[in-house]
Amino acid sequence: MSPGREGELETDRLRPPGLGLLLAEARGLLELNASLLLSPILMRAPRGDGHPVLALPGFLASDLSMVPMRRYLSELGYEAHAWRMGRNLGGLGRMREALRARLAEIHAATGRKVSLVGWSLGGVYARDLALWAPDKVRYVITLGSPFANDVRATNATRLYEALSGERVEDLAEAREAIAGDLPVPATSIYSRADGVVNWRTCLLRPSDRAENIEVLLASHLGLGVNPAALWAVADRLAQPEGEFSPFDRAGPFAIAYAPPEQAVSA
C-alpha cells in the first residue's frame, strides 16, 4: 500500500466525539428531569401486552441506571426485569454465559419471548443474545450502542479494554455478526450529539424489520432517560409479536426526531 493511500485511510477512520460533546454530556441530568416533568404525557404511550422486557445497562453502569426505564415500562404494562449482574465492567466474551442464563431464566419463568432494551454496551449484549437465541427474543432496542462500523470510535474504548481485559479486536467474528442483520425485529435509537460514541457506530442496516431512530440533541448519558427516547421505546415494544411497522414520528415528541430519510446520511 502506498504511503499516500495509508494516510488517506487513517484520515477516513471514524473518530470518537470531540471534547466539546464529551463535556456537554452533563446535560443528561436535564433529560432525566424533563422526563419527570413530562411523565403525564409519557404515560399516553401505547400500552404493553405484559410480555417480559430485560433492561441491560451500559458500561460502568448498574441496574440503578435502568430504574427509570424499568419503572416506565412496568407502568405501561410490561414485565420489566433487571439484569442482576452488578456493575457492567464489560467483556462480551466474559459476560456471555451469565447473560444467556439470565435470558433463559426469564423466558422459562414467563413462557414468553423476551424483548431486550440495551443502553450503550448493554445494546451490544442484546444484539449478541438475539443472535444466540432468536427463539427466546421478541424485539431488540439499542440506545446509543456502538455495534457497527469502527467500534473503536468511542471515548470509552481504552477504559473498556483496561477493565474488561478484552481488546476490541478480540472476538472479531462475533463483532461482525452483531453488526449484521438480526433474526428478530430491531430498532437503534441514537443521537448525533452523543459525546461518548461516534453516532455512525450505532447505525443498523434498515430493512423491513429494522430501523434507526435519531433523537435530536440527546446525550449519551441521558439517552436512556430522554423523554423522546422513552416514548420511542414504548411505541416499538407495543407492536404485536411477529409484526413490524416503521416508527411514526408524529405525536407529542415529534419535534425531537430527525426525519427518517436523514437517519443514515452522513
C-alpha atoms as a PDB file:
ATOM      1  CA  MET A   1       0.000   0.000   0.000  1.00  0.00           C
ATOM      2  CA  SER A   2       1.379   3.420  -0.903  1.00  0.00           C
ATOM      3  CA  PRO A   3       2.132   5.943   1.886  1.00  0.00           C
ATOM      4  CA  GLY A   4      -0.427   8.301   0.411  1.00  0.00           C
ATOM      5  CA  ARG A   5      -3.194   5.687   0.464  1.00  0.00           C
ATOM      6  CA  GLU A   6      -2.310   4.662   4.010  1.00  0.00           C
ATOM      7  CA  GLY A   7      -2.616   8.268   5.129  1.00  0.00           C
ATOM      8  CA  GLU A   8      -5.977   8.557   3.381  1.00  0.00           C
ATOM      9  CA  LEU A   9      -7.323   5.512   5.206  1.00  0.00           C
ATOM     10  CA  GLU A  10      -6.119   6.919   8.519  1.00  0.00           C
ATOM     11  CA  THR A  11      -7.929  10.189   7.785  1.00  0.00           C
ATOM     12  CA  ASP A  12     -11.133   8.348   6.824  1.00  0.00           C
ATOM     13  CA  ARG A  13     -11.279   6.346  10.042  1.00  0.00           C
ATOM     14  CA  LEU A  14     -14.093   7.242  12.412  1.00  0.00           C
ATOM     15  CA  ARG A  15     -13.025   9.253  15.405  1.00  0.00           C
ATOM     16  CA  PRO A  16     -14.519   9.489  18.911  1.00  0.00           C
ATOM     17  CA  PRO A  17     -16.700  12.539  19.611  1.00  0.00           C
ATOM     18  CA  GLY A  18     -14.760  15.719  20.382  1.00  0.00           C
ATOM     19  CA  LEU A  19     -14.096  17.250  23.773  1.00  0.00           C
ATOM     20  CA  GLY A  20     -16.949  19.725  23.437  1.00  0.00           C
ATOM     21  CA  LEU A  21     -19.556  16.998  23.026  1.00  0.00           C
ATOM     22  CA  LEU A  22     -17.976  14.956  25.796  1.00  0.00           C
ATOM     23  CA  LEU A  23     -18.148  17.848  28.266  1.00  0.00           C
ATOM     24  CA  ALA A  24     -21.758  18.519  27.224  1.00  0.00           C
ATOM     25  CA  GLU A  25     -22.750  15.058  28.486  1.00  0.00           C
ATOM     26  CA  ALA A  26     -23.604  16.699  31.820  1.00  0.00           C
ATOM     27  CA  ARG A  27     -26.937  17.659  30.258  1.00  0.00           C
ATOM     28  CA  GLY A  28     -28.078  14.087  30.818  1.00  0.00           C
ATOM     29  CA  LEU A  29     -29.449  15.218  34.192  1.00  0.00           C
ATOM     30  CA  LEU A  30     -31.652  17.726  32.386  1.00  0.00           C
ATOM     31  CA  GLU A  31     -33.041  14.944  30.224  1.00  0.00           C
ATOM     32  CA  LEU A  32     -33.974  12.954  33.315  1.00  0.00           C
ATOM     33  CA  ASN A  33     -35.677  15.991  34.822  1.00  0.00           C
ATOM     34  CA  ALA A  34     -37.542  16.582  31.565  1.00  0.00           C
ATOM     35  CA  SER A  35     -38.894  13.030  31.660  1.00  0.00           C
ATOM     36  CA  LEU A  36     -40.104  13.512  35.220  1.00  0.00           C
ATOM     37  CA  LEU A  37     -41.865  16.738  34.284  1.00  0.00           C
ATOM     38  CA  LEU A  38     -43.372  15.195  31.162  1.00  0.00           C
ATOM     39  CA  SER A  39     -44.434  11.923  32.794  1.00  0.00           C
ATOM     40  CA  PRO A  40     -48.187  12.608  32.278  1.00  0.00           C
ATOM     41  CA  ILE A  41     -47.521  12.850  28.531  1.00  0.00           C
ATOM     42  CA  LEU A  42     -45.205   9.828  28.516  1.00  0.00           C
ATOM     43  CA  MET A  43     -47.976   7.741  30.057  1.00  0.00           C
ATOM     44  CA  ARG A  44     -50.084   8.318  26.945  1.00  0.00           C
ATOM     45  CA  ALA A  45     -47.781   5.962  25.019  1.00  0.00           C
ATOM     46  CA  PRO A  46     -49.255   2.693  23.703  1.00  0.00           C
ATOM     47  CA  ARG A  47     -49.861   0.148  26.460  1.00  0.00           C
ATOM     48  CA  GLY A  48     -47.892  -3.072  26.668  1.00  0.00           C
ATOM     49  CA  ASP A  49     -49.266  -6.601  26.489  1.00  0.00           C
ATOM     50  CA  GLY A  50     -47.477  -7.833  29.607  1.00  0.00           C
ATOM     51  CA  HIS A  51     -44.586  -9.542  27.856  1.00  0.00           C
ATOM     52  CA  PRO A  52     -41.191  -9.566  29.631  1.00  0.00           C
ATOM     53  CA  VAL A  53     -38.540  -6.937  28.904  1.00  0.00           C
ATOM     54  CA  LEU A  54     -34.928  -7.294  30.047  1.00  0.00           C
ATOM     55  CA  ALA A  55     -33.110  -3.969  30.566  1.00  0.00           C
ATOM     56  CA  LEU A  56     -29.334  -4.106  30.086  1.00  0.00           C
ATOM     57  CA  PRO A  57     -27.191  -1.235  31.459  1.00  0.00           C
ATOM     58  CA  GLY A  58     -24.266   0.460  29.768  1.00  0.00           C
ATOM     59  CA  PHE A  59     -20.568   0.252  30.502  1.00  0.00           C
ATOM     60  CA  LEU A  60     -19.742   1.076  34.161  1.00  0.00           C
ATOM     61  CA  ALA A  61     -23.458   1.322  34.964  1.00  0.00           C
ATOM     62  CA  SER A  62     -25.634  -0.969  37.075  1.00  0.00           C
ATOM     63  CA  ASP A  63     -29.314  -1.809  37.346  1.00  0.00           C
ATOM     64  CA  LEU A  64     -29.763   1.533  39.108  1.00  0.00           C
ATOM     65  CA  SER A  65     -29.258   3.362  35.806  1.00  0.00           C
ATOM     66  CA  MET A  66     -32.145   1.426  34.269  1.00  0.00           C
ATOM     67  CA  VAL A  67     -34.623   2.073  37.090  1.00  0.00           C
ATOM     68  CA  PRO A  68     -36.418   4.919  35.232  1.00  0.00           C
ATOM     69  CA  MET A  69     -36.728   2.748  32.113  1.00  0.00           C
ATOM     70  CA  ARG A  70     -37.956  -0.299  34.024  1.00  0.00           C
ATOM     71  CA  ARG A  71     -40.409   1.732  36.083  1.00  0.00           C
ATOM     72  CA  TYR A  72     -41.804   3.414  32.991  1.00  0.00           C
ATOM     73  CA  LEU A  73     -42.264   0.125  31.151  1.00  0.00           C
ATOM     74  CA  SER A  74     -43.811  -1.503  34.210  1.00  0.00           C
ATOM     75  CA  GLU A  75     -46.353   1.299  34.451  1.00  0.00           C
ATOM     76  CA  LEU A  76     -47.209   0.755  30.789  1.00  0.00           C
ATOM     77  CA  GLY A  77     -47.995  -2.893  31.459  1.00  0.00           C
ATOM     78  CA  TYR A  78     -44.760  -4.739  30.709  1.00  0.00           C
ATOM     79  CA  GLU A  79     -42.974  -7.190  32.983  1.00  0.00           C
ATOM     80  CA  ALA A  80     -39.664  -5.334  33.294  1.00  0.00           C
ATOM     81  CA  HIS A  81     -36.605  -7.237  34.526  1.00  0.00           C
ATOM     82  CA  ALA A  82     -33.198  -6.125  35.805  1.00  0.00           C
ATOM     83  CA  TRP A  83     -30.049  -7.902  34.694  1.00  0.00           C
ATOM     84  CA  ARG A  84     -28.881  -8.590  38.321  1.00  0.00           C
ATOM     85  CA  MET A  85     -25.177  -8.755  37.493  1.00  0.00           C
ATOM     86  CA  GLY A  86     -23.883  -5.738  39.363  1.00  0.00           C
ATOM     87  CA  ARG A  87     -21.838  -3.078  37.642  1.00  0.00           C
ATOM     88  CA  ASN A  88     -21.206  -3.583  33.929  1.00  0.00           C
ATOM     89  CA  LEU A  89     -17.418  -3.688  33.649  1.00  0.00           C
ATOM     90  CA  GLY A  90     -17.507  -5.007  30.107  1.00  0.00           C
ATOM     91  CA  GLY A  91     -16.259  -8.089  28.357  1.00  0.00           C
ATOM     92  CA  LEU A  92     -18.552  -9.586  25.723  1.00  0.00           C
ATOM     93  CA  GLY A  93     -16.856 -12.961  25.916  1.00  0.00           C
ATOM     94  CA  ARG A  94     -16.696 -12.920  29.718  1.00  0.00           C
ATOM     95  CA  MET A  95     -20.359 -11.924  30.195  1.00  0.00           C
ATOM     96  CA  ARG A  96     -21.913 -14.181  27.567  1.00  0.00           C
ATOM     97  CA  GLU A  97     -22.757 -17.205  29.702  1.00  0.00           C
ATOM     98  CA  ALA A  98     -24.304 -15.151  32.505  1.00  0.00           C
ATOM     99  CA  LEU A  99     -26.362 -13.122  30.030  1.00  0.00           C
ATOM    100  CA  ARG A 100     -27.605 -16.236  28.270  1.00  0.00           C
ATOM    101  CA  ALA A 101     -28.538 -17.801  31.585  1.00  0.00           C
ATOM    102  CA  ARG A 102     -30.483 -14.677  32.604  1.00  0.00           C
ATOM    103  CA  LEU A 103     -32.391 -14.609  29.316  1.00  0.00           C
ATOM    104  CA  ALA A 104     -33.195 -18.320  29.562  1.00  0.00           C
ATOM    105  CA  GLU A 105     -34.359 -17.857  33.165  1.00  0.00           C
ATOM    106  CA  ILE A 106     -36.826 -15.103  32.268  1.00  0.00           C
ATOM    107  CA  HIS A 107     -38.060 -16.970  29.204  1.00  0.00           C
ATOM    108  CA  ALA A 108     -38.660 -20.141  31.215  1.00  0.00           C
ATOM    109  CA  ALA A 109     -40.381 -18.307  34.073  1.00  0.00           C
ATOM    110  CA  THR A 110     -42.767 -16.338  31.848  1.00  0.00           C
ATOM    111  CA  GLY A 111     -43.229 -18.758  28.976  1.00  0.00           C
ATOM    112  CA  ARG A 112     -42.954 -15.816  26.579  1.00  0.00           C
ATOM    113  CA  LYS A 113     -40.343 -14.303  24.309  1.00  0.00           C
ATOM    114  CA  VAL A 114     -38.313 -11.530  25.931  1.00  0.00           C
ATOM    115  CA  SER A 115     -37.742  -8.069  24.473  1.00  0.00           C
ATOM    116  CA  LEU A 116     -34.273  -6.659  25.114  1.00  0.00           C
ATOM    117  CA  VAL A 117     -33.567  -2.981  25.762  1.00  0.00           C
ATOM    118  CA  GLY A 118     -29.844  -2.241  25.973  1.00  0.00           C
ATOM    119  CA  TRP A 119     -28.188   1.087  26.693  1.00  0.00           C
ATOM    120  CA  SER A 120     -24.736   1.581  25.148  1.00  0.00           C
ATOM    121  CA  LEU A 121     -22.705  -1.603  25.794  1.00  0.00           C
ATOM    122  CA  GLY A 122     -25.916  -3.231  27.016  1.00  0.00           C
ATOM    123  CA  GLY A 123     -27.236  -2.934  23.470  1.00  0.00           C
ATOM    124  CA  VAL A 124     -24.232  -4.816  22.121  1.00  0.00           C
ATOM    125  CA  TYR A 125     -25.050  -7.595  24.583  1.00  0.00           C
ATOM    126  CA  ALA A 126     -28.689  -7.502  23.472  1.00  0.00           C
ATOM    127  CA  ARG A 127     -27.816  -7.988  19.817  1.00  0.00           C
ATOM    128  CA  ASP A 128     -25.484 -10.849  20.696  1.00  0.00           C
ATOM    129  CA  LEU A 129     -28.257 -12.531  22.711  1.00  0.00           C
ATOM    130  CA  ALA A 130     -30.689 -12.239  19.798  1.00  0.00           C
ATOM    131  CA  LEU A 131     -28.229 -13.999  17.531  1.00  0.00           C
ATOM    132  CA  TRP A 132     -27.783 -16.782  20.071  1.00  0.00           C
ATOM    133  CA  ALA A 133     -31.457 -17.402  20.903  1.00  0.00           C
ATOM    134  CA  PRO A 134     -33.899 -15.862  18.405  1.00  0.00           C
ATOM    135  CA  ASP A 135     -36.499 -18.309  19.692  1.00  0.00           C
ATOM    136  CA  LYS A 136     -36.355 -16.562  23.083  1.00  0.00           C
ATOM    137  CA  VAL A 137     -36.117 -12.948  21.899  1.00  0.00           C
ATOM    138  CA  ARG A 138     -39.062 -10.909  20.688  1.00  0.00           C
ATOM    139  CA  TYR A 139     -37.505  -7.497  19.917  1.00  0.00           C
ATOM    140  CA  VAL A 140     -34.181  -5.689  20.345  1.00  0.00           C
ATOM    141  CA  ILE A 141     -33.870  -1.978  21.080  1.00  0.00           C
ATOM    142  CA  THR A 142     -30.458  -0.365  21.466  1.00  0.00           C
ATOM    143  CA  LEU A 143     -29.755   3.106  22.861  1.00  0.00           C
ATOM    144  CA  GLY A 144     -26.501   4.710  21.768  1.00  0.00           C
ATOM    145  CA  SER A 145     -24.895   1.306  21.266  1.00  0.00           C
ATOM    146  CA  PRO A 146     -21.645   1.137  19.250  1.00  0.00           C
ATOM    147  CA  PHE A 147     -22.043  -2.149  17.390  1.00  0.00           C
ATOM    148  CA  ALA A 148     -21.321  -1.183  13.770  1.00  0.00           C
ATOM    149  CA  ASN A 149     -18.546   0.263  11.650  1.00  0.00           C
ATOM    150  CA  ASP A 150     -15.359   1.185  13.582  1.00  0.00           C
ATOM    151  CA  VAL A 151     -16.417   0.378  17.140  1.00  0.00           C
ATOM    152  CA  ARG A 152     -13.161   1.831  18.473  1.00  0.00           C
ATOM    153  CA  ALA A 153     -14.576   5.308  17.748  1.00  0.00           C
ATOM    154  CA  THR A 154     -15.682   5.910  21.324  1.00  0.00           C
ATOM    155  CA  ASN A 155     -14.280   7.855  24.252  1.00  0.00           C
ATOM    156  CA  ALA A 156     -14.537   4.747  26.437  1.00  0.00           C
ATOM    157  CA  THR A 157     -12.512   2.243  24.394  1.00  0.00           C
ATOM    158  CA  ARG A 158      -9.282   2.349  26.407  1.00  0.00           C
ATOM    159  CA  LEU A 159     -11.099   2.140  29.733  1.00  0.00           C
ATOM    160  CA  TYR A 160     -13.222  -0.724  28.442  1.00  0.00           C
ATOM    161  CA  GLU A 161     -10.133  -2.672  27.415  1.00  0.00           C
ATOM    162  CA  ALA A 162      -8.399  -1.966  30.714  1.00  0.00           C
ATOM    163  CA  LEU A 163     -11.301  -3.048  32.928  1.00  0.00           C
ATOM    164  CA  SER A 164     -12.666  -5.928  30.863  1.00  0.00           C
ATOM    165  CA  GLY A 165      -9.315  -7.414  29.893  1.00  0.00           C
ATOM    166  CA  GLU A 166     -10.742  -7.745  26.386  1.00  0.00           C
ATOM    167  CA  ARG A 167      -9.390  -5.917  23.358  1.00  0.00           C
ATOM    168  CA  VAL A 168     -11.914  -4.565  20.892  1.00  0.00           C
ATOM    169  CA  GLU A 169     -10.179  -6.593  18.200  1.00  0.00           C
ATOM    170  CA  ASP A 170     -10.963  -9.795  20.116  1.00  0.00           C
ATOM    171  CA  LEU A 171     -13.969 -11.860  19.042  1.00  0.00           C
ATOM    172  CA  ALA A 172     -13.808 -10.362  15.546  1.00  0.00           C
ATOM    173  CA  GLU A 173     -16.236 -12.925  14.136  1.00  0.00           C
ATOM    174  CA  ALA A 174     -18.782 -12.196  16.870  1.00  0.00           C
ATOM    175  CA  ARG A 175     -18.487  -8.453  16.362  1.00  0.00           C
ATOM    176  CA  GLU A 176     -19.109  -8.849  12.637  1.00  0.00           C
ATOM    177  CA  ALA A 177     -22.241 -10.888  13.321  1.00  0.00           C
ATOM    178  CA  ILE A 178     -23.506  -8.378  15.893  1.00  0.00           C
ATOM    179  CA  ALA A 179     -23.129  -5.587  13.325  1.00  0.00           C
ATOM    180  CA  GLY A 180     -25.154  -7.508  10.734  1.00  0.00           C
ATOM    181  CA  ASP A 181     -28.856  -8.223  10.341  1.00  0.00           C
ATOM    182  CA  LEU A 182     -30.631  -9.794  13.304  1.00  0.00           C
ATOM    183  CA  PRO A 183     -33.135 -12.660  13.082  1.00  0.00           C
ATOM    184  CA  VAL A 184     -35.621 -10.576  15.127  1.00  0.00           C
ATOM    185  CA  PRO A 185     -37.036  -7.045  14.723  1.00  0.00           C
ATOM    186  CA  ALA A 186     -34.642  -4.347  15.881  1.00  0.00           C
ATOM    187  CA  THR A 187     -34.500  -0.605  16.477  1.00  0.00           C
ATOM    188  CA  SER A 188     -31.405   1.505  17.081  1.00  0.00           C
ATOM    189  CA  ILE A 189     -32.010   4.799  18.884  1.00  0.00           C
ATOM    190  CA  TYR A 190     -29.088   7.212  18.700  1.00  0.00           C
ATOM    191  CA  SER A 191     -28.048  10.861  18.724  1.00  0.00           C
ATOM    192  CA  ARG A 192     -25.560  12.773  16.599  1.00  0.00           C
ATOM    193  CA  ALA A 193     -24.876  14.871  19.704  1.00  0.00           C
ATOM    194  CA  ASP A 194     -23.591  11.786  21.556  1.00  0.00           C
ATOM    195  CA  GLY A 195     -20.400  12.728  23.400  1.00  0.00           C
ATOM    196  CA  VAL A 196     -19.224   9.180  24.150  1.00  0.00           C
ATOM    197  CA  VAL A 197     -19.662   7.136  20.971  1.00  0.00           C
ATOM    198  CA  ASN A 198     -19.496   8.190  17.345  1.00  0.00           C
ATOM    199  CA  TRP A 199     -23.119   8.079  16.194  1.00  0.00           C
ATOM    200  CA  ARG A 200     -22.187   6.240  13.000  1.00  0.00           C
ATOM    201  CA  THR A 201     -21.275   3.181  15.089  1.00  0.00           C
ATOM    202  CA  CYS A 202     -24.923   2.963  16.168  1.00  0.00           C
ATOM    203  CA  LEU A 203     -26.439   2.563  12.708  1.00  0.00           C
ATOM    204  CA  LEU A 204     -28.001  -0.716  11.666  1.00  0.00           C
ATOM    205  CA  ARG A 205     -28.890  -1.572   8.096  1.00  0.00           C
ATOM    206  CA  PRO A 206     -32.553  -0.570   7.625  1.00  0.00           C
ATOM    207  CA  SER A 207     -34.839  -3.330   6.387  1.00  0.00           C
ATOM    208  CA  ASP A 208     -38.459  -4.411   6.553  1.00  0.00           C
ATOM    209  CA  ARG A 209     -37.982  -5.151  10.274  1.00  0.00           C
ATOM    210  CA  ALA A 210     -35.088  -2.941  11.335  1.00  0.00           C
ATOM    211  CA  GLU A 211     -34.783   0.832  11.664  1.00  0.00           C
ATOM    212  CA  ASN A 212     -32.741   3.698  13.059  1.00  0.00           C
ATOM    213  CA  ILE A 213     -34.333   6.493  15.100  1.00  0.00           C
ATOM    214  CA  GLU A 214     -32.332   9.657  15.685  1.00  0.00           C
ATOM    215  CA  VAL A 215     -33.209  11.686  18.777  1.00  0.00           C
ATOM    216  CA  LEU A 216     -32.061  15.250  18.238  1.00  0.00           C
ATOM    217  CA  LEU A 217     -29.625  16.773  20.761  1.00  0.00           C
ATOM    218  CA  ALA A 218     -29.810  13.819  23.167  1.00  0.00           C
ATOM    219  CA  SER A 219     -26.706  12.968  25.174  1.00  0.00           C
ATOM    220  CA  HIS A 220     -25.206   9.507  25.556  1.00  0.00           C
ATOM    221  CA  LEU A 221     -25.584   9.547  29.342  1.00  0.00           C
ATOM    222  CA  GLY A 222     -29.146  10.824  29.057  1.00  0.00           C
ATOM    223  CA  LEU A 223     -30.428   8.745  26.146  1.00  0.00           C
ATOM    224  CA  GLY A 224     -31.929   6.073  28.389  1.00  0.00           C
ATOM    225  CA  VAL A 225     -33.955   8.668  30.314  1.00  0.00           C
ATOM    226  CA  ASN A 226     -34.634  11.121  27.490  1.00  0.00           C
ATOM    227  CA  PRO A 227     -38.427  11.593  27.110  1.00  0.00           C
ATOM    228  CA  ALA A 228     -38.408  11.261  23.317  1.00  0.00           C
ATOM    229  CA  ALA A 229     -36.283   8.121  23.544  1.00  0.00           C
ATOM    230  CA  LEU A 230     -38.563   6.629  26.203  1.00  0.00           C
ATOM    231  CA  TRP A 231     -41.596   7.287  24.027  1.00  0.00           C
ATOM    232  CA  ALA A 232     -39.913   5.591  21.074  1.00  0.00           C
ATOM    233  CA  VAL A 233     -39.027   2.551  23.200  1.00  0.00           C
ATOM    234  CA  ALA A 234     -42.609   2.223  24.418  1.00  0.00           C
ATOM    235  CA  ASP A 235     -44.001   2.619  20.912  1.00  0.00           C
ATOM    236  CA  ARG A 236     -41.711  -0.045  19.456  1.00  0.00           C
ATOM    237  CA  LEU A 237     -42.361  -2.571  22.224  1.00  0.00           C
ATOM    238  CA  ALA A 238     -46.129  -2.178  21.807  1.00  0.00           C
ATOM    239  CA  GLN A 239     -46.078  -3.782  18.362  1.00  0.00           C
ATOM    240  CA  PRO A 240     -47.745  -7.195  18.223  1.00  0.00           C
ATOM    241  CA  GLU A 241     -45.333 -10.099  18.385  1.00  0.00           C
ATOM    242  CA  GLY A 242     -44.018 -11.012  14.952  1.00  0.00           C
ATOM    243  CA  GLU A 243     -45.140  -7.729  13.388  1.00  0.00           C
ATOM    244  CA  PHE A 244     -43.143  -4.639  12.461  1.00  0.00           C
ATOM    245  CA  SER A 245     -44.035  -1.233  11.092  1.00  0.00           C
ATOM    246  CA  PRO A 246     -41.829   1.857  10.810  1.00  0.00           C
ATOM    247  CA  PHE A 247     -41.799   4.277  13.721  1.00  0.00           C
ATOM    248  CA  ASP A 248     -44.337   7.088  13.343  1.00  0.00           C
ATOM    249  CA  ARG A 249     -42.518  10.290  14.270  1.00  0.00           C
ATOM    250  CA  ALA A 250     -45.777  12.148  14.843  1.00  0.00           C
ATOM    251  CA  GLY A 251     -47.056  12.631  18.357  1.00  0.00           C
ATOM    252  CA  PRO A 252     -46.097  14.695  21.418  1.00  0.00           C
ATOM    253  CA  PHE A 253     -42.334  14.413  20.811  1.00  0.00           C
ATOM    254  CA  ALA A 254     -42.354  14.781  17.018  1.00  0.00           C
ATOM    255  CA  ILE A 255     -40.017  17.786  17.121  1.00  0.00           C
ATOM    256  CA  ALA A 256     -37.337  15.676  18.848  1.00  0.00           C
ATOM    257  CA  TYR A 257     -36.867  13.172  15.999  1.00  0.00           C
ATOM    258  CA  ALA A 258     -34.868  13.622  12.815  1.00  0.00           C
ATOM    259  CA  PRO A 259     -36.721  12.718   9.592  1.00  0.00           C
ATOM    260  CA  PRO A 260     -36.232   9.061   8.679  1.00  0.00           C
ATOM    261  CA  GLU A 261     -34.515   9.889   5.389  1.00  0.00           C
ATOM    262  CA  GLN A 262     -31.746  11.559   7.386  1.00  0.00           C
ATOM    263  CA  ALA A 263     -31.225   8.608   9.717  1.00  0.00           C
ATOM    264  CA  VAL A 264     -28.326   7.084   7.804  1.00  0.00           C
ATOM    265  CA  SER A 265     -26.951  10.108   5.959  1.00  0.00           C
ATOM    266  CA  ALA A 266     -23.539  11.469   6.844  1.00  0.00           C
END
